[in-house]
């Protein structure tokens, strides 16, 4: 279970870079190791993050970390609470 959730986190992270043109969408999918439909879900989340970051005033990295942290929180809900 945790392995798949970590792949999803990796997929969202890689897809943000694909969405912003730094790598190809195919490269992001390969990096994530996700199947097509699960990667598309990750790509949609990444698209939302990228849009919010581009619209955010100030430091873009701070905005990215804020929005990516929400994805991490969502995907780690099932993990042992003693670790997070």
C-alpha atoms as a PDB file:
ATOM      1  CA  UNK A   1       0.000   0.000   0.000  1.00  0.00           C
ATOM      2  CA  UNK A   2       2.653   2.551   0.993  1.00  0.00           C
ATOM      3  CA  UNK A   3       4.666   1.770  -2.133  1.00  0.00           C
ATOM      4  CA  UNK A   4       1.750   2.760  -4.387  1.00  0.00           C
ATOM      5  CA  UNK A   5       1.097   5.957  -2.441  1.00  0.00           C
ATOM      6  CA  UNK A   6       4.770   6.913  -2.753  1.00  0.00           C
ATOM      7  CA  UNK A   7       4.585   6.261  -6.492  1.00  0.00           C
ATOM      8  CA  UNK A   8       1.606   8.612  -6.639  1.00  0.00           C
ATOM      9  CA  UNK A   9       3.556  11.306  -4.763  1.00  0.00           C
ATOM     10  CA  UNK A  10       6.462  10.812  -7.149  1.00  0.00           C
ATOM     11  CA  UNK A  11       4.045  10.933 -10.071  1.00  0.00           C
ATOM     12  CA  UNK A  12       2.623  14.271  -8.964  1.00  0.00           C
ATOM     13  CA  UNK A  13       6.100  15.688  -8.392  1.00  0.00           C
ATOM     14  CA  UNK A  14       7.375  14.546 -11.793  1.00  0.00           C
ATOM     15  CA  UNK A  15       4.158  15.652 -13.496  1.00  0.00           C
ATOM     16  CA  UNK A  16       4.559  19.196 -12.151  1.00  0.00           C
ATOM     17  CA  UNK A  17       7.868  19.359 -14.000  1.00  0.00           C
ATOM     18  CA  UNK A  18       6.216  17.908 -17.108  1.00  0.00           C
ATOM     19  CA  UNK A  19       3.336  20.354 -16.866  1.00  0.00           C
ATOM     20  CA  UNK A  20       5.774  23.264 -16.710  1.00  0.00           C
ATOM     21  CA  UNK A  21       7.771  21.963 -19.680  1.00  0.00           C
ATOM     22  CA  UNK A  22      10.952  20.859 -17.926  1.00  0.00           C
ATOM     23  CA  UNK A  23      10.517  17.182 -18.848  1.00  0.00           C
ATOM     24  CA  UNK A  24       8.116  15.347 -21.118  1.00  0.00           C
ATOM     25  CA  UNK A  25       4.887  13.840 -19.879  1.00  0.00           C
ATOM     26  CA  UNK A  26       6.210  10.436 -20.954  1.00  0.00           C
ATOM     27  CA  UNK A  27       9.356  10.928 -18.855  1.00  0.00           C
ATOM     28  CA  UNK A  28       7.246  11.879 -15.850  1.00  0.00           C
ATOM     29  CA  UNK A  29       5.128   8.750 -16.284  1.00  0.00           C
ATOM     30  CA  UNK A  30       8.255   6.613 -16.538  1.00  0.00           C
ATOM     31  CA  UNK A  31       9.734   8.203 -13.404  1.00  0.00           C
ATOM     32  CA  UNK A  32       6.532   7.561 -11.471  1.00  0.00           C
ATOM     33  CA  UNK A  33       6.135   3.915 -12.434  1.00  0.00           C
ATOM     34  CA  UNK A  34       2.354   4.397 -12.458  1.00  0.00           C
ATOM     35  CA  UNK A  35      -0.107   2.834 -14.879  1.00  0.00           C
ATOM     36  CA  UNK A  36      -1.813   5.109 -17.430  1.00  0.00           C
ATOM     37  CA  UNK A  37      -5.005   5.896 -15.511  1.00  0.00           C
ATOM     38  CA  UNK A  38      -3.278   6.453 -12.163  1.00  0.00           C
ATOM     39  CA  UNK A  39      -0.677   8.675 -13.815  1.00  0.00           C
ATOM     40  CA  UNK A  40      -3.445  10.755 -15.395  1.00  0.00           C
ATOM     41  CA  UNK A  41      -4.870  11.342 -11.918  1.00  0.00           C
ATOM     42  CA  UNK A  42      -1.422  12.423 -10.730  1.00  0.00           C
ATOM     43  CA  UNK A  43      -1.034  14.655 -13.779  1.00  0.00           C
ATOM     44  CA  UNK A  44      -4.343  16.374 -13.043  1.00  0.00           C
ATOM     45  CA  UNK A  45      -3.226  17.069  -9.468  1.00  0.00           C
ATOM     46  CA  UNK A  46       0.077  18.381 -10.809  1.00  0.00           C
ATOM     47  CA  UNK A  47      -1.756  20.614 -13.258  1.00  0.00           C
ATOM     48  CA  UNK A  48      -3.731  22.141 -10.406  1.00  0.00           C
ATOM     49  CA  UNK A  49      -0.558  22.671  -8.389  1.00  0.00           C
ATOM     50  CA  UNK A  50       1.274  24.248 -11.328  1.00  0.00           C
ATOM     51  CA  UNK A  51      -1.624  26.607 -12.030  1.00  0.00           C
ATOM     52  CA  UNK A  52      -1.778  27.708  -8.392  1.00  0.00           C
ATOM     53  CA  UNK A  53       1.981  28.209  -8.256  1.00  0.00           C
ATOM     54  CA  UNK A  54       2.031  30.304 -11.411  1.00  0.00           C
ATOM     55  CA  UNK A  55      -0.713  32.548 -10.006  1.00  0.00           C
ATOM     56  CA  UNK A  56       0.865  32.865  -6.562  1.00  0.00           C
ATOM     57  CA  UNK A  57       2.585  36.108  -5.683  1.00  0.00           C
ATOM     58  CA  UNK A  58       6.069  36.036  -4.231  1.00  0.00           C
ATOM     59  CA  UNK A  59       8.261  33.004  -3.903  1.00  0.00           C
ATOM     60  CA  UNK A  60       7.068  30.273  -6.271  1.00  0.00           C
ATOM     61  CA  UNK A  61       8.924  27.540  -4.382  1.00  0.00           C
ATOM     62  CA  UNK A  62       7.048  28.389  -1.191  1.00  0.00           C
ATOM     63  CA  UNK A  63       3.767  28.156  -3.109  1.00  0.00           C
ATOM     64  CA  UNK A  64       4.801  24.864  -4.698  1.00  0.00           C
ATOM     65  CA  UNK A  65       5.746  23.337  -1.344  1.00  0.00           C
ATOM     66  CA  UNK A  66       2.486  24.484   0.233  1.00  0.00           C
ATOM     67  CA  UNK A  67       0.350  22.894  -2.483  1.00  0.00           C
ATOM     68  CA  UNK A  68       2.466  19.753  -2.869  1.00  0.00           C
ATOM     69  CA  UNK A  69       2.335  19.242   0.910  1.00  0.00           C
ATOM     70  CA  UNK A  70      -1.458  18.970   0.635  1.00  0.00           C
ATOM     71  CA  UNK A  71      -1.043  16.089  -1.826  1.00  0.00           C
ATOM     72  CA  UNK A  72       1.431  14.405   0.504  1.00  0.00           C
ATOM     73  CA  UNK A  73      -0.962  14.809   3.429  1.00  0.00           C
ATOM     74  CA  UNK A  74      -3.767  13.272   1.382  1.00  0.00           C
ATOM     75  CA  UNK A  75      -1.676  10.318   0.243  1.00  0.00           C
ATOM     76  CA  UNK A  76      -0.154   9.540   3.630  1.00  0.00           C
ATOM     77  CA  UNK A  77      -3.394   9.453   5.620  1.00  0.00           C
ATOM     78  CA  UNK A  78      -3.236   5.669   5.737  1.00  0.00           C
ATOM     79  CA  UNK A  79       0.353   5.599   7.034  1.00  0.00           C
ATOM     80  CA  UNK A  80       1.205   4.992  10.669  1.00  0.00           C
ATOM     81  CA  UNK A  81       0.532   8.335  12.411  1.00  0.00           C
ATOM     82  CA  UNK A  82       3.655   7.850  14.526  1.00  0.00           C
ATOM     83  CA  UNK A  83       5.766   8.652  11.475  1.00  0.00           C
ATOM     84  CA  UNK A  84       4.080  11.906  10.435  1.00  0.00           C
END
